[in-house]
Amino acid sequence: MQPGALLDRARADLGRPDTSPQQLRSALAQIVPATEDLMAQVAVLQGQLERARTCPVTGLPTRSAWTTQAQDILEAGPAAVLLIDLDAFKPVNDRFGHAAGDAVLAAVGARLTEWAAAEGAAAGRLGGDEFAVAIPDTPGLAARVAQLHTRLTSPVTYRELTLTVGASIGTARTAGLTDRTLSAALKKADTEMYRVKGRGRRGRRPARIVPLRAPARLARVLALRKAA
C-alpha cells in the first residue's frame, strides 16, 4: 500500500470512536516505515537541490541561489553589487586544457568565499568566468574591493605552472540608483565592469603564464627556438 493510502487509512481509524488499541497499533506499525521512507526521499531531493544550487567547480552558489541571497542583502539596507569578469581566462583553457581552467576557477571560488564570509557578503558564480557579489555598503568599500582584486589576481599553481589571470570588477552602489533592484544594480555593475576593462565588451588583458619547471616537451621547443 502506498504511503498516502496508509496515512488516509490511519487518519480514518483515528477518527473512529470504536477503533480498538490493536487496530491503532497495527496502523502505526505500517505508518512508521512509510514515514521513514518518505523522509529518506525528501533528504535525497534536498541533496539534489543543494547540488543544483552550488557550482561543483568553485563551490559557490549558482545564479539562482545567489540571486536569493543578494536580494536579502539589498533589502536589508544600502548595498553594493560587484560584477567580476576574469581577464584572459580563455587562453588558459585553450593552451593548458580545461583542468587548468578549473584549477583557476576553484582558486577564485575559494578566495571569493573567504572574502565574502569576512565581509558579510554573498558571492556566486553567474556562469563561465563571471562572478557576482552583493555586499552591505559600509565605509571603506572601495578599499575592500581593491583587496578583493588583489586576492583574485594572485598566482594559481597548477602542476608545473603558475597561472595568473586578471580581474575586472564593476561596482554598483544602490544608493546611487533610481531603481534599487538587483536587476538594475547588475546592469550598472556590468557597465562599470567593462569601463574598468577599458577595451569594450570583448576586451581582455593577457594572462601571465610562468613555468615553474619547464616540462620536457616545452624545454625542447624552447631549445629549438634558441638554436634557430
Protein backbone atom coordinates (compact mmCIF):
# COMPACT_ATOMS: atom_id res chain seq x y z
CA MET A 1 0.00 0.00 0.00
CA GLN A 2 1.27 3.47 -0.91
CA PRO A 3 2.28 5.85 1.94
CA GLY A 4 -0.56 8.22 1.09
CA ALA A 5 -3.11 5.43 1.30
CA LEU A 6 -1.64 4.26 4.61
CA LEU A 7 -1.91 7.74 6.06
CA ASP A 8 -5.52 8.06 4.87
CA ARG A 9 -6.36 4.74 6.46
CA ALA A 10 -4.68 5.69 9.73
CA ARG A 11 -6.49 9.05 9.74
CA ALA A 12 -9.79 7.27 9.27
CA ASP A 13 -9.02 4.78 12.08
CA LEU A 14 -8.04 7.56 14.45
CA GLY A 15 -11.28 9.36 13.70
CA ARG A 16 -13.46 6.38 14.55
CA PRO A 17 -14.60 6.23 18.19
CA ASP A 18 -14.79 2.44 18.10
CA THR A 19 -11.22 1.85 16.91
CA SER A 20 -9.53 -0.67 19.17
CA PRO A 21 -6.00 -0.25 20.54
CA GLN A 22 -4.94 -3.24 18.45
CA GLN A 23 -6.17 -1.54 15.27
CA LEU A 24 -4.32 1.64 16.17
CA ARG A 25 -1.11 -0.28 16.84
CA SER A 26 -1.48 -2.06 13.52
CA ALA A 27 -1.97 1.24 11.68
CA LEU A 28 1.02 2.83 13.39
CA ALA A 29 3.17 -0.20 12.59
CA GLN A 30 2.53 0.47 8.91
CA ILE A 31 2.79 4.24 9.09
CA VAL A 32 6.21 4.41 10.76
CA PRO A 33 8.22 2.68 7.99
CA ALA A 34 6.23 4.53 5.32
CA THR A 35 7.04 7.85 7.01
CA GLU A 36 10.72 6.92 7.29
CA ASP A 37 10.75 6.10 3.57
CA LEU A 38 9.18 9.46 2.75
CA MET A 39 11.74 11.28 4.91
CA ALA A 40 14.58 9.46 3.13
CA GLN A 41 13.16 10.52 -0.24
CA VAL A 42 12.89 14.12 0.94
CA ALA A 43 16.54 14.04 2.11
CA VAL A 44 17.63 12.78 -1.32
CA LEU A 45 15.66 15.50 -3.08
CA GLN A 46 17.09 18.16 -0.77
CA GLY A 47 20.60 16.93 -1.55
CA GLN A 48 19.91 17.07 -5.28
CA LEU A 49 18.50 20.59 -4.95
CA GLU A 50 21.52 21.74 -2.97
CA ARG A 51 23.91 20.31 -5.56
CA ALA A 52 21.94 22.03 -8.33
CA ARG A 53 22.26 25.34 -6.46
CA THR A 54 26.02 25.00 -5.91
CA CYS A 55 28.71 25.17 -8.59
CA PRO A 56 30.71 21.91 -8.38
CA VAL A 57 33.95 23.60 -9.56
CA THR A 58 34.02 26.74 -7.40
CA GLY A 59 31.79 25.71 -4.51
CA LEU A 60 29.92 29.00 -4.95
CA PRO A 61 26.14 29.36 -5.26
CA THR A 62 24.83 29.29 -8.80
CA ARG A 63 22.98 32.25 -10.30
CA SER A 64 19.55 31.35 -8.90
CA ALA A 65 20.84 30.61 -5.41
CA TRP A 66 22.99 33.74 -5.35
CA THR A 67 20.08 35.89 -6.53
CA THR A 68 18.06 34.92 -3.47
CA GLN A 69 20.93 35.75 -1.12
CA ALA A 70 21.71 39.00 -2.93
CA GLN A 71 18.13 40.21 -2.75
CA ASP A 72 18.13 39.67 1.01
CA ILE A 73 21.23 41.87 1.33
CA LEU A 74 19.77 44.61 -0.86
CA GLU A 75 16.52 44.60 1.13
CA ALA A 76 18.40 44.92 4.41
CA GLY A 77 19.81 48.38 3.63
CA PRO A 78 22.33 50.26 1.49
CA ALA A 79 24.30 47.75 -0.53
CA ALA A 80 26.61 47.35 -3.49
CA VAL A 81 26.74 44.78 -6.25
CA LEU A 82 30.05 43.72 -7.76
CA LEU A 83 30.32 42.06 -11.15
CA ILE A 84 33.62 40.29 -11.77
CA ASP A 85 34.99 39.07 -15.08
CA LEU A 86 38.28 37.17 -15.26
CA ASP A 87 40.55 38.64 -17.91
CA ALA A 88 42.32 36.27 -20.32
CA PHE A 89 40.77 33.18 -18.78
CA LYS A 90 40.02 31.58 -22.16
CA PRO A 91 43.70 31.40 -23.21
CA VAL A 92 44.40 29.32 -20.10
CA ASN A 93 41.77 26.80 -21.19
CA ASP A 94 42.94 26.86 -24.80
CA ARG A 95 46.62 26.41 -24.02
CA PHE A 96 46.61 24.13 -20.99
CA GLY A 97 43.20 22.47 -21.08
CA HIS A 98 40.06 22.63 -19.01
CA ALA A 99 41.70 21.08 -15.96
CA ALA A 100 43.97 24.13 -15.72
CA GLY A 101 40.97 26.40 -16.19
CA ASP A 102 39.10 24.56 -13.46
CA ALA A 103 42.08 24.99 -11.15
CA VAL A 104 41.89 28.75 -11.68
CA LEU A 105 38.11 28.78 -11.15
CA ALA A 106 38.42 26.70 -7.99
CA ALA A 107 41.01 29.11 -6.59
CA VAL A 108 38.82 32.09 -7.44
CA GLY A 109 35.85 30.39 -5.78
CA ALA A 110 37.79 29.70 -2.59
CA ARG A 111 39.11 33.26 -2.42
CA LEU A 112 35.70 34.77 -3.08
CA THR A 113 34.10 32.55 -0.45
CA GLU A 114 36.64 33.53 2.20
CA TRP A 115 36.45 37.24 1.40
CA ALA A 116 32.65 37.29 1.27
CA ALA A 117 32.35 35.48 4.61
CA ALA A 118 34.55 38.09 6.29
CA GLU A 119 32.56 40.94 4.71
CA GLY A 120 29.06 39.62 5.37
CA ALA A 121 28.60 39.43 1.61
CA ALA A 122 27.11 36.89 -0.78
CA ALA A 123 29.24 35.67 -3.69
CA GLY A 124 28.16 33.50 -6.58
CA ARG A 125 29.18 32.25 -9.99
CA LEU A 126 26.91 33.53 -12.72
CA GLY A 127 28.46 31.33 -15.39
CA GLY A 128 31.71 30.91 -17.31
CA ASP A 129 34.32 33.22 -15.83
CA GLU A 130 31.80 35.72 -14.48
CA PHE A 131 31.08 36.14 -10.77
CA ALA A 132 28.94 38.44 -8.66
CA VAL A 133 28.92 39.72 -5.11
CA ALA A 134 26.28 41.54 -3.08
CA ILE A 135 27.72 43.35 -0.09
CA PRO A 136 26.46 45.84 2.52
CA ASP A 137 27.61 49.33 1.55
CA THR A 138 29.69 50.45 4.53
CA PRO A 139 32.63 52.88 4.80
CA GLY A 140 35.82 51.75 3.11
CA LEU A 141 34.06 49.74 0.42
CA ALA A 142 36.46 50.83 -2.34
CA ALA A 143 39.47 49.69 -0.31
CA ARG A 144 37.88 46.32 0.37
CA VAL A 145 37.07 45.85 -3.31
CA ALA A 146 40.71 46.64 -4.09
CA GLN A 147 41.73 43.99 -1.57
CA LEU A 148 39.43 41.51 -3.32
CA HIS A 149 41.05 42.34 -6.67
CA THR A 150 44.48 41.62 -5.20
CA ARG A 151 43.30 38.26 -3.92
CA LEU A 152 41.66 37.22 -7.17
CA THR A 153 44.70 38.09 -9.28
CA SER A 154 47.21 36.29 -7.07
CA PRO A 155 49.00 33.43 -8.90
CA VAL A 156 47.44 29.98 -9.05
CA THR A 157 49.75 26.98 -9.05
CA TYR A 158 48.76 24.18 -11.41
CA ARG A 159 51.12 21.27 -11.85
CA GLU A 160 54.39 22.80 -13.11
CA LEU A 161 52.92 26.19 -13.94
CA THR A 162 51.94 29.38 -12.19
CA LEU A 163 48.86 30.91 -13.80
CA THR A 164 47.80 34.49 -13.21
CA VAL A 165 44.65 35.93 -14.74
CA GLY A 166 43.33 39.44 -14.41
CA ALA A 167 40.01 40.51 -12.95
CA SER A 168 37.81 43.41 -13.97
CA ILE A 169 35.42 44.43 -11.19
CA GLY A 170 32.45 46.71 -11.74
CA THR A 171 30.78 48.22 -8.68
CA ALA A 172 27.19 49.49 -8.44
CA ARG A 173 26.06 51.11 -5.18
CA THR A 174 22.30 51.01 -4.72
CA ALA A 175 22.36 54.42 -3.04
CA GLY A 176 23.24 55.94 -6.39
CA LEU A 177 20.49 54.21 -8.35
CA THR A 178 16.98 55.44 -9.06
CA ASP A 179 15.85 51.84 -9.38
CA ARG A 180 17.39 49.98 -6.45
CA THR A 181 16.50 46.49 -7.64
CA LEU A 182 19.05 43.73 -8.08
CA SER A 183 18.46 43.75 -11.84
CA ALA A 184 19.27 47.46 -12.07
CA ALA A 185 22.33 47.08 -9.87
CA LEU A 186 23.65 44.23 -12.02
CA LYS A 187 23.12 46.28 -15.17
CA LYS A 188 25.04 49.21 -13.67
CA ALA A 189 27.81 46.92 -12.40
CA ASP A 190 28.09 45.38 -15.86
CA THR A 191 28.59 48.83 -17.39
CA GLU A 192 31.19 49.69 -14.78
CA MET A 193 32.99 46.39 -15.24
CA TYR A 194 33.53 46.98 -18.96
CA ARG A 195 34.55 50.57 -18.28
CA VAL A 196 37.22 49.20 -15.92
CA LYS A 197 38.22 46.67 -18.54
CA GLY A 198 38.80 49.60 -20.87
CA ARG A 199 38.59 47.68 -24.12
CA GLY A 200 34.90 47.23 -24.67
CA ARG A 201 32.89 44.09 -24.06
CA ARG A 202 35.33 41.93 -25.99
CA GLY A 203 38.45 43.33 -24.39
CA ARG A 204 40.76 41.02 -22.48
CA ARG A 205 44.07 41.50 -20.75
CA PRO A 206 46.76 38.89 -21.35
CA ALA A 207 47.35 36.32 -18.64
CA ARG A 208 50.82 35.77 -17.31
CA ILE A 209 51.80 32.11 -17.51
CA VAL A 210 55.07 31.30 -15.83
CA PRO A 211 56.61 27.79 -15.91
CA LEU A 212 57.87 26.68 -12.51
CA ARG A 213 59.75 23.82 -14.10
CA ALA A 214 59.53 23.53 -17.86
CA PRO A 215 58.13 20.17 -19.00
CA ALA A 216 60.36 18.16 -21.32
CA ARG A 217 58.31 18.95 -24.42
CA LEU A 218 58.31 22.67 -23.68
CA ALA A 219 62.05 22.58 -22.97
CA ARG A 220 62.69 21.03 -26.40
CA VAL A 221 60.60 23.71 -28.11
CA LEU A 222 62.48 26.46 -26.30
CA ALA A 223 65.82 24.88 -27.23
CA LEU A 224 64.86 24.68 -30.92
CA ARG A 225 63.75 28.32 -30.91
CA LYS A 226 67.02 29.39 -29.30
CA ALA A 227 69.04 27.40 -31.82
CA ALA A 228 67.12 28.99 -34.70
